[in-house]
Amino acid sequence: MCRNITALRGLEPPATQEEISAAALQYVRKVGGLSSLSPRTQDAVDRAVQQIAQATTELLAELPERRQPPATEPPLRRLATSGPTGGRSRG
């Protein structure tokens, strides 16, 4: 699995649609070899993210519960808990 894509199954609380879409975007950018989006790529990326997010939502709903939570939190949760400095100390 791509190191940048965090496991979403077994999170408490469950993965949000925003977290699922963020993971889908990471996947699309990795597969497409895109470090940034341009007007030429935006529509194709948006469609792919929407389709992958939908498939991911369905997959997570159909899989059995995990016995243990994932080893790491999704990036959006890490940002929310680390504050404005991204968890780094200043100084």
PDB file of N, CA and C in Angstrom:
ATOM      1  N   MET A   1       0.843  -1.181   0.000  1.00  0.00           N
ATOM      2  CA  MET A   1       0.000   0.000   0.000  1.00  0.00           C
ATOM      3  C   MET A   1       0.884   1.239   0.000  1.00  0.00           C
ATOM      4  N   CYS A   2       0.402   2.272  -0.618  1.00  0.00           N
ATOM      5  CA  CYS A   2       1.112   3.543  -0.646  1.00  0.00           C
ATOM      6  C   CYS A   2       1.282   4.055   0.777  1.00  0.00           C
ATOM      7  N   ARG A   3       2.464   4.479   1.117  1.00  0.00           N
ATOM      8  CA  ARG A   3       2.721   4.947   2.478  1.00  0.00           C
ATOM      9  C   ARG A   3       1.896   6.174   2.838  1.00  0.00           C
ATOM     10  N   ASN A   4       1.506   6.978   1.858  1.00  0.00           N
ATOM     11  CA  ASN A   4       0.777   8.210   2.143  1.00  0.00           C
ATOM     12  C   ASN A   4      -0.710   8.008   2.365  1.00  0.00           C
ATOM     13  N   ILE A   5      -1.217   6.841   2.052  1.00  0.00           N
ATOM     14  CA  ILE A   5      -2.643   6.596   2.231  1.00  0.00           C
ATOM     15  C   ILE A   5      -2.843   5.829   3.531  1.00  0.00           C
ATOM     16  N   THR A   6      -3.577   6.423   4.452  1.00  0.00           N
ATOM     17  CA  THR A   6      -3.797   5.847   5.770  1.00  0.00           C
ATOM     18  C   THR A   6      -5.020   4.939   5.756  1.00  0.00           C
ATOM     19  N   ALA A   7      -4.942   3.848   6.502  1.00  0.00           N
ATOM     20  CA  ALA A   7      -6.092   2.943   6.632  1.00  0.00           C
ATOM     21  C   ALA A   7      -7.255   3.689   7.274  1.00  0.00           C
ATOM     22  N   LEU A   8      -8.442   3.531   6.723  1.00  0.00           N
ATOM     23  CA  LEU A   8      -9.635   4.194   7.248  1.00  0.00           C
ATOM     24  C   LEU A   8     -10.559   3.229   7.979  1.00  0.00           C
ATOM     25  N   ARG A   9     -10.403   1.961   7.742  1.00  0.00           N
ATOM     26  CA  ARG A   9     -11.261   0.961   8.376  1.00  0.00           C
ATOM     27  C   ARG A   9     -10.900   0.833   9.848  1.00  0.00           C
ATOM     28  N   GLY A  10     -11.908   0.865  10.703  1.00  0.00           N
ATOM     29  CA  GLY A  10     -11.706   0.660  12.131  1.00  0.00           C
ATOM     30  C   GLY A  10     -11.460   1.915  12.925  1.00  0.00           C
ATOM     31  N   LEU A  11     -11.606   3.084  12.309  1.00  0.00           N
ATOM     32  CA  LEU A  11     -11.410   4.327  13.051  1.00  0.00           C
ATOM     33  C   LEU A  11     -12.564   4.557  14.011  1.00  0.00           C
ATOM     34  N   GLU A  12     -12.269   5.198  15.122  1.00  0.00           N
ATOM     35  CA  GLU A  12     -13.299   5.623  16.073  1.00  0.00           C
ATOM     36  C   GLU A  12     -13.117   7.102  16.323  1.00  0.00           C
ATOM     37  N   PRO A  13     -14.079   7.920  15.987  1.00  0.00           N
ATOM     38  CA  PRO A  13     -15.296   7.609  15.264  1.00  0.00           C
ATOM     39  C   PRO A  13     -14.969   7.182  13.828  1.00  0.00           C
ATOM     40  N   PRO A  14     -15.946   6.594  13.142  1.00  0.00           N
ATOM     41  CA  PRO A  14     -15.700   6.106  11.779  1.00  0.00           C
ATOM     42  C   PRO A  14     -15.204   7.207  10.844  1.00  0.00           C
ATOM     43  N   ALA A  15     -14.554   6.806   9.779  1.00  0.00           N
ATOM     44  CA  ALA A  15     -14.032   7.759   8.787  1.00  0.00           C
ATOM     45  C   ALA A  15     -15.143   8.659   8.277  1.00  0.00           C
ATOM     46  N   THR A  16     -14.835   9.923   8.153  1.00  0.00           N
ATOM     47  CA  THR A  16     -15.793  10.890   7.620  1.00  0.00           C
ATOM     48  C   THR A  16     -15.697  10.912   6.101  1.00  0.00           C
ATOM     49  N   GLN A  17     -16.693  11.513   5.464  1.00  0.00           N
ATOM     50  CA  GLN A  17     -16.653  11.644   4.010  1.00  0.00           C
ATOM     51  C   GLN A  17     -15.468  12.494   3.587  1.00  0.00           C
ATOM     52  N   GLU A  18     -15.117  13.481   4.394  1.00  0.00           N
ATOM     53  CA  GLU A  18     -13.950  14.327   4.090  1.00  0.00           C
ATOM     54  C   GLU A  18     -12.661  13.504   4.121  1.00  0.00           C
ATOM     55  N   GLU A  19     -12.522  12.609   5.105  1.00  0.00           N
ATOM     56  CA  GLU A  19     -11.336  11.754   5.185  1.00  0.00           C
ATOM     57  C   GLU A  19     -11.286  10.768   4.015  1.00  0.00           C
ATOM     58  N   ILE A  20     -12.434  10.245   3.638  1.00  0.00           N
ATOM     59  CA  ILE A  20     -12.498   9.313   2.507  1.00  0.00           C
ATOM     60  C   ILE A  20     -12.123  10.041   1.219  1.00  0.00           C
ATOM     61  N   SER A  21     -12.629  11.239   1.016  1.00  0.00           N
ATOM     62  CA  SER A  21     -12.295  12.013  -0.180  1.00  0.00           C
ATOM     63  C   SER A  21     -10.817  12.395  -0.205  1.00  0.00           C
ATOM     64  N   ALA A  22     -10.257  12.733   0.946  1.00  0.00           N
ATOM     65  CA  ALA A  22      -8.829  13.071   1.011  1.00  0.00           C
ATOM     66  C   ALA A  22      -7.968  11.864   0.634  1.00  0.00           C
ATOM     67  N   ALA A  23      -8.343  10.681   1.110  1.00  0.00           N
ATOM     68  CA  ALA A  23      -7.609   9.466   0.757  1.00  0.00           C
ATOM     69  C   ALA A  23      -7.755   9.177  -0.737  1.00  0.00           C
ATOM     70  N   ALA A  24      -8.945   9.396  -1.284  1.00  0.00           N
ATOM     71  CA  ALA A  24      -9.165   9.180  -2.712  1.00  0.00           C
ATOM     72  C   ALA A  24      -8.305  10.133  -3.538  1.00  0.00           C
ATOM     73  N   LEU A  25      -8.200  11.377  -3.103  1.00  0.00           N
ATOM     74  CA  LEU A  25      -7.365  12.346  -3.806  1.00  0.00           C
ATOM     75  C   LEU A  25      -5.889  11.934  -3.756  1.00  0.00           C
ATOM     76  N   GLN A  26      -5.434  11.472  -2.602  1.00  0.00           N
ATOM     77  CA  GLN A  26      -4.049  10.999  -2.494  1.00  0.00           C
ATOM     78  C   GLN A  26      -3.801   9.862  -3.479  1.00  0.00           C
ATOM     79  N   TYR A  27      -4.731   8.937  -3.551  1.00  0.00           N
ATOM     80  CA  TYR A  27      -4.611   7.801  -4.464  1.00  0.00           C
ATOM     81  C   TYR A  27      -4.553   8.275  -5.916  1.00  0.00           C
ATOM     82  N   VAL A  28      -5.464   9.148  -6.305  1.00  0.00           N
ATOM     83  CA  VAL A  28      -5.527   9.626  -7.683  1.00  0.00           C
ATOM     84  C   VAL A  28      -4.251  10.378  -8.044  1.00  0.00           C
ATOM     85  N   ARG A  29      -3.769  11.208  -7.152  1.00  0.00           N
ATOM     86  CA  ARG A  29      -2.537  11.947  -7.426  1.00  0.00           C
ATOM     87  C   ARG A  29      -1.339  11.014  -7.556  1.00  0.00           C
ATOM     88  N   LYS A  30      -1.285   9.994  -6.720  1.00  0.00           N
ATOM     89  CA  LYS A  30      -0.183   9.034  -6.790  1.00  0.00           C
ATOM     90  C   LYS A  30      -0.229   8.243  -8.096  1.00  0.00           C
ATOM     91  N   VAL A  31      -1.383   7.689  -8.414  1.00  0.00           N
ATOM     92  CA  VAL A  31      -1.532   6.884  -9.626  1.00  0.00           C
ATOM     93  C   VAL A  31      -1.304   7.741 -10.877  1.00  0.00           C
ATOM     94  N   GLY A  32      -1.795   8.974 -10.852  1.00  0.00           N
ATOM     95  CA  GLY A  32      -1.660   9.857 -12.000  1.00  0.00           C
ATOM     96  C   GLY A  32      -0.311  10.553 -12.088  1.00  0.00           C
ATOM     97  N   GLY A  33       0.533  10.384 -11.059  1.00  0.00           N
ATOM     98  CA  GLY A  33       1.830  11.056 -11.064  1.00  0.00           C
ATOM     99  C   GLY A  33       1.699  12.566 -11.041  1.00  0.00           C
ATOM    100  N   LEU A  34       0.716  13.055 -10.290  1.00  0.00           N
ATOM    101  CA  LEU A  34       0.424  14.487 -10.243  1.00  0.00           C
ATOM    102  C   LEU A  34       0.903  15.087  -8.932  1.00  0.00           C
ATOM    103  N   SER A  35       1.859  16.005  -9.001  1.00  0.00           N
ATOM    104  CA  SER A  35       2.278  16.682  -7.780  1.00  0.00           C
ATOM    105  C   SER A  35       1.400  17.892  -7.495  1.00  0.00           C
ATOM    106  N   SER A  36       0.750  18.407  -8.542  1.00  0.00           N
ATOM    107  CA  SER A  36      -0.210  19.498  -8.374  1.00  0.00           C
ATOM    108  C   SER A  36      -1.271  19.357  -9.463  1.00  0.00           C
ATOM    109  N   LEU A  37      -2.361  20.076  -9.281  1.00  0.00           N
ATOM    110  CA  LEU A  37      -3.466  20.005 -10.237  1.00  0.00           C
ATOM    111  C   LEU A  37      -3.472  21.267 -11.090  1.00  0.00           C
ATOM    112  N   SER A  38      -3.808  21.101 -12.347  1.00  0.00           N
ATOM    113  CA  SER A  38      -3.904  22.225 -13.271  1.00  0.00           C
ATOM    114  C   SER A  38      -5.307  22.231 -13.857  1.00  0.00           C
ATOM    115  N   PRO A  39      -5.670  23.301 -14.546  1.00  0.00           N
ATOM    116  CA  PRO A  39      -6.982  23.315 -15.202  1.00  0.00           C
ATOM    117  C   PRO A  39      -7.163  22.143 -16.174  1.00  0.00           C
ATOM    118  N   ARG A  40      -6.084  21.678 -16.775  1.00  0.00           N
ATOM    119  CA  ARG A  40      -6.171  20.552 -17.721  1.00  0.00           C
ATOM    120  C   ARG A  40      -6.461  19.234 -17.021  1.00  0.00           C
ATOM    121  N   THR A  41      -6.055  19.088 -15.770  1.00  0.00           N
ATOM    122  CA  THR A  41      -6.232  17.822 -15.062  1.00  0.00           C
ATOM    123  C   THR A  41      -7.379  17.840 -14.059  1.00  0.00           C
ATOM    124  N   GLN A  42      -7.861  19.016 -13.692  1.00  0.00           N
ATOM    125  CA  GLN A  42      -8.828  19.156 -12.592  1.00  0.00           C
ATOM    126  C   GLN A  42     -10.103  18.335 -12.797  1.00  0.00           C
ATOM    127  N   ASP A  43     -10.720  18.404 -13.962  1.00  0.00           N
ATOM    128  CA  ASP A  43     -11.981  17.684 -14.180  1.00  0.00           C
ATOM    129  C   ASP A  43     -11.811  16.179 -14.073  1.00  0.00           C
ATOM    130  N   ALA A  44     -10.758  15.656 -14.699  1.00  0.00           N
ATOM    131  CA  ALA A  44     -10.513  14.213 -14.645  1.00  0.00           C
ATOM    132  C   ALA A  44     -10.231  13.769 -13.220  1.00  0.00           C
ATOM    133  N   VAL A  45      -9.459  14.557 -12.487  1.00  0.00           N
ATOM    134  CA  VAL A  45      -9.143  14.222 -11.094  1.00  0.00           C
ATOM    135  C   VAL A  45     -10.407  14.270 -10.245  1.00  0.00           C
ATOM    136  N   ASP A  46     -11.212  15.306 -10.409  1.00  0.00           N
ATOM    137  CA  ASP A  46     -12.447  15.419  -9.630  1.00  0.00           C
ATOM    138  C   ASP A  46     -13.369  14.225  -9.852  1.00  0.00           C
ATOM    139  N   ARG A  47     -13.524  13.809 -11.107  1.00  0.00           N
ATOM    140  CA  ARG A  47     -14.374  12.648 -11.405  1.00  0.00           C
ATOM    141  C   ARG A  47     -13.808  11.381 -10.769  1.00  0.00           C
ATOM    142  N   ALA A  48     -12.508  11.184 -10.900  1.00  0.00           N
ATOM    143  CA  ALA A  48     -11.883   9.985 -10.336  1.00  0.00           C
ATOM    144  C   ALA A  48     -12.002   9.970  -8.811  1.00  0.00           C
ATOM    145  N   VAL A  49     -11.775  11.104  -8.170  1.00  0.00           N
ATOM    146  CA  VAL A  49     -11.885  11.184  -6.713  1.00  0.00           C
ATOM    147  C   VAL A  49     -13.303  10.844  -6.274  1.00  0.00           C
ATOM    148  N   GLN A  50     -14.282  11.369  -6.975  1.00  0.00           N
ATOM    149  CA  GLN A  50     -15.679  11.093  -6.630  1.00  0.00           C
ATOM    150  C   GLN A  50     -15.985   9.600  -6.749  1.00  0.00           C
ATOM    151  N   GLN A  51     -15.540   8.977  -7.819  1.00  0.00           N
ATOM    152  CA  GLN A  51     -15.802   7.552  -8.027  1.00  0.00           C
ATOM    153  C   GLN A  51     -15.072   6.695  -6.997  1.00  0.00           C
ATOM    154  N   ILE A  52     -13.834   7.024  -6.712  1.00  0.00           N
ATOM    155  CA  ILE A  52     -13.051   6.246  -5.746  1.00  0.00           C
ATOM    156  C   ILE A  52     -13.596   6.450  -4.335  1.00  0.00           C
ATOM    157  N   ALA A  53     -14.000   7.673  -4.010  1.00  0.00           N
ATOM    158  CA  ALA A  53     -14.588   7.925  -2.693  1.00  0.00           C
ATOM    159  C   ALA A  53     -15.876   7.121  -2.517  1.00  0.00           C
ATOM    160  N   GLN A  54     -16.695   7.047  -3.563  1.00  0.00           N
ATOM    161  CA  GLN A  54     -17.930   6.264  -3.485  1.00  0.00           C
ATOM    162  C   GLN A  54     -17.619   4.788  -3.279  1.00  0.00           C
ATOM    163  N   ALA A  55     -16.661   4.264  -4.056  1.00  0.00           N
ATOM    164  CA  ALA A  55     -16.279   2.857  -3.920  1.00  0.00           C
ATOM    165  C   ALA A  55     -15.696   2.589  -2.524  1.00  0.00           C
ATOM    166  N   THR A  56     -14.939   3.535  -1.993  1.00  0.00           N
ATOM    167  CA  THR A  56     -14.348   3.383  -0.664  1.00  0.00           C
ATOM    168  C   THR A  56     -15.429   3.378   0.408  1.00  0.00           C
ATOM    169  N   THR A  57     -16.405   4.264   0.283  1.00  0.00           N
ATOM    170  CA  THR A  57     -17.515   4.310   1.234  1.00  0.00           C
ATOM    171  C   THR A  57     -18.255   2.976   1.251  1.00  0.00           C
ATOM    172  N   GLU A  58     -18.526   2.428   0.071  1.00  0.00           N
ATOM    173  CA  GLU A  58     -19.207   1.136  -0.022  1.00  0.00           C
ATOM    174  C   GLU A  58     -18.349   0.018   0.570  1.00  0.00           C
ATOM    175  N   LEU A  59     -17.059   0.027   0.273  1.00  0.00           N
ATOM    176  CA  LEU A  59     -16.157  -0.989   0.808  1.00  0.00           C
ATOM    177  C   LEU A  59     -16.137  -0.960   2.333  1.00  0.00           C
ATOM    178  N   LEU A  60     -15.974   0.225   2.908  1.00  0.00           N
ATOM    179  CA  LEU A  60     -15.916   0.332   4.367  1.00  0.00           C
ATOM    180  C   LEU A  60     -17.213  -0.131   5.016  1.00  0.00           C
ATOM    181  N   ALA A  61     -18.345   0.125   4.362  1.00  0.00           N
ATOM    182  CA  ALA A  61     -19.642  -0.294   4.902  1.00  0.00           C
ATOM    183  C   ALA A  61     -19.806  -1.812   4.868  1.00  0.00           C
ATOM    184  N   GLU A  62     -19.168  -2.472   3.905  1.00  0.00           N
ATOM    185  CA  GLU A  62     -19.347  -3.909   3.735  1.00  0.00           C
ATOM    186  C   GLU A  62     -18.322  -4.762   4.481  1.00  0.00           C
ATOM    187  N   LEU A  63     -17.201  -4.190   4.854  1.00  0.00           N
ATOM    188  CA  LEU A  63     -16.176  -4.969   5.557  1.00  0.00           C
ATOM    189  C   LEU A  63     -16.561  -5.191   7.018  1.00  0.00           C
ATOM    190  N   PRO A  64     -16.146  -6.313   7.603  1.00  0.00           N
ATOM    191  CA  PRO A  64     -16.409  -6.520   9.030  1.00  0.00           C
ATOM    192  C   PRO A  64     -15.566  -5.565   9.867  1.00  0.00           C
ATOM    193  N   GLU A  65     -15.965  -5.394  11.116  1.00  0.00           N
ATOM    194  CA  GLU A  65     -15.217  -4.512  12.011  1.00  0.00           C
ATOM    195  C   GLU A  65     -13.814  -5.062  12.230  1.00  0.00           C
ATOM    196  N   ARG A  66     -12.882  -4.157  12.460  1.00  0.00           N
ATOM    197  CA  ARG A  66     -11.511  -4.560  12.771  1.00  0.00           C
ATOM    198  C   ARG A  66     -11.410  -4.938  14.235  1.00  0.00           C
ATOM    199  N   ARG A  67     -10.493  -5.811  14.548  1.00  0.00           N
ATOM    200  CA  ARG A  67     -10.253  -6.178  15.945  1.00  0.00           C
ATOM    201  C   ARG A  67      -9.448  -5.111  16.658  1.00  0.00           C
ATOM    202  N   GLN A  68      -8.574  -4.442  15.919  1.00  0.00           N
ATOM    203  CA  GLN A  68      -7.759  -3.369  16.471  1.00  0.00           C
ATOM    204  C   GLN A  68      -7.857  -2.164  15.543  1.00  0.00           C
ATOM    205  N   PRO A  69      -7.768  -0.970  16.105  1.00  0.00           N
ATOM    206  CA  PRO A  69      -7.807   0.218  15.248  1.00  0.00           C
ATOM    207  C   PRO A  69      -6.538   0.310  14.402  1.00  0.00           C
ATOM    208  N   PRO A  70      -6.559   1.109  13.336  1.00  0.00           N
ATOM    209  CA  PRO A  70      -5.356   1.282  12.520  1.00  0.00           C
ATOM    210  C   PRO A  70      -4.212   1.860  13.361  1.00  0.00           C
ATOM    211  N   ALA A  71      -2.991   1.619  12.923  1.00  0.00           N
ATOM    212  CA  ALA A  71      -1.810   2.069  13.662  1.00  0.00           C
ATOM    213  C   ALA A  71      -1.645   3.582  13.640  1.00  0.00           C
ATOM    214  N   THR A  72      -2.130   4.239  12.592  1.00  0.00           N
ATOM    215  CA  THR A  72      -1.994   5.689  12.492  1.00  0.00           C
ATOM    216  C   THR A  72      -3.343   6.317  12.194  1.00  0.00           C
ATOM    217  N   GLU A  73      -3.454   7.596  12.559  1.00  0.00           N
ATOM    218  CA  GLU A  73      -4.676   8.343  12.268  1.00  0.00           C
ATOM    219  C   GLU A  73      -4.570   8.977  10.891  1.00  0.00           C
ATOM    220  N   PRO A  74      -5.703   9.218  10.235  1.00  0.00           N
ATOM    221  CA  PRO A  74      -5.669   9.917   8.950  1.00  0.00           C
ATOM    222  C   PRO A  74      -5.092  11.326   9.124  1.00  0.00           C
ATOM    223  N   PRO A  75      -4.474  11.876   8.077  1.00  0.00           N
ATOM    224  CA  PRO A  75      -3.855  13.201   8.186  1.00  0.00           C
ATOM    225  C   PRO A  75      -4.789  14.292   8.692  1.00  0.00           C
ATOM    226  N   LEU A  76      -6.064  14.264   8.284  1.00  0.00           N
ATOM    227  CA  LEU A  76      -6.980  15.315   8.745  1.00  0.00           C
ATOM    228  C   LEU A  76      -7.174  15.267  10.256  1.00  0.00           C
ATOM    229  N   ARG A  77      -7.157  14.092  10.851  1.00  0.00           N
ATOM    230  CA  ARG A  77      -7.274  13.992  12.311  1.00  0.00           C
ATOM    231  C   ARG A  77      -5.991  14.420  12.988  1.00  0.00           C
ATOM    232  N   ARG A  78      -4.856  14.104  12.383  1.00  0.00           N
ATOM    233  CA  ARG A  78      -3.574  14.523  12.971  1.00  0.00           C
ATOM    234  C   ARG A  78      -3.486  16.037  12.963  1.00  0.00           C
ATOM    235  N   LEU A  79      -3.925  16.679  11.874  1.00  0.00           N
ATOM    236  CA  LEU A  79      -3.903  18.140  11.806  1.00  0.00           C
ATOM    237  C   LEU A  79      -4.821  18.751  12.849  1.00  0.00           C
ATOM    238  N   ALA A  80      -5.984  18.142  13.046  1.00  0.00           N
ATOM    239  CA  ALA A  80      -6.963  18.678  14.000  1.00  0.00           C
ATOM    240  C   ALA A  80      -6.458  18.598  15.434  1.00  0.00           C
ATOM    241  N   THR A  81      -5.667  17.571  15.757  1.00  0.00           N
ATOM    242  CA  THR A  81      -5.217  17.396  17.129  1.00  0.00           C
ATOM    243  C   THR A  81      -3.865  18.041  17.405  1.00  0.00           C
ATOM    244  N   SER A  82      -3.124  18.426  16.341  1.00  0.00           N
ATOM    245  CA  SER A  82      -1.791  18.963  16.568  1.00  0.00           C
ATOM    246  C   SER A  82      -1.750  20.479  16.659  1.00  0.00           C
ATOM    247  N   GLY A  83      -2.810  21.147  16.273  1.00  0.00           N
ATOM    248  CA  GLY A  83      -2.838  22.603  16.362  1.00  0.00           C
ATOM    249  C   GLY A  83      -2.195  23.265  15.170  1.00  0.00           C
ATOM    250  N   PRO A  84      -2.035  24.597  15.243  1.00  0.00           N
ATOM    251  CA  PRO A  84      -1.574  25.371  14.093  1.00  0.00           C
ATOM    252  C   PRO A  84      -0.122  25.105  13.691  1.00  0.00           C
ATOM    253  N   THR A  85       0.694  24.561  14.562  1.00  0.00           N
ATOM    254  CA  THR A  85       2.097  24.329  14.218  1.00  0.00           C
ATOM    255  C   THR A  85       2.334  22.947  13.659  1.00  0.00           C
ATOM    256  N   GLY A  86       1.266  22.181  13.437  1.00  0.00           N
ATOM    257  CA  GLY A  86       1.425  20.854  12.858  1.00  0.00           C
ATOM    258  C   GLY A  86       2.079  19.875  13.794  1.00  0.00           C
ATOM    259  N   GLY A  87       1.972  20.104  15.115  1.00  0.00           N
ATOM    260  CA  GLY A  87       2.542  19.192  16.079  1.00  0.00           C
ATOM    261  C   GLY A  87       4.009  19.434  16.364  1.00  0.00           C
ATOM    262  N   ARG A  88       4.595  20.428  15.694  1.00  0.00           N
ATOM    263  CA  ARG A  88       5.998  20.737  15.911  1.00  0.00           C
ATOM    264  C   ARG A  88       6.151  21.854  16.917  1.00  0.00           C
ATOM    265  N   SER A  89       7.181  21.767  17.727  1.00  0.00           N
ATOM    266  CA  SER A  89       7.416  22.830  18.670  1.00  0.00           C
ATOM    267  C   SER A  89       8.214  23.936  17.980  1.00  0.00           C
ATOM    268  N   ARG A  90       7.957  25.130  18.390  1.00  0.00           N
ATOM    269  CA  ARG A  90       8.676  26.271  17.813  1.00  0.00           C
ATOM    270  C   ARG A  90       9.878  26.555  18.688  1.00  0.00           C
ATOM    271  N   GLY A  91      10.941  26.970  18.016  1.00  0.00           N
ATOM    272  CA  GLY A  91      12.066  27.389  18.831  1.00  0.00           C
ATOM    273  C   GLY A  91      13.290  26.776  18.493  1.00  0.00           C
TER     274      GLY A  91
END
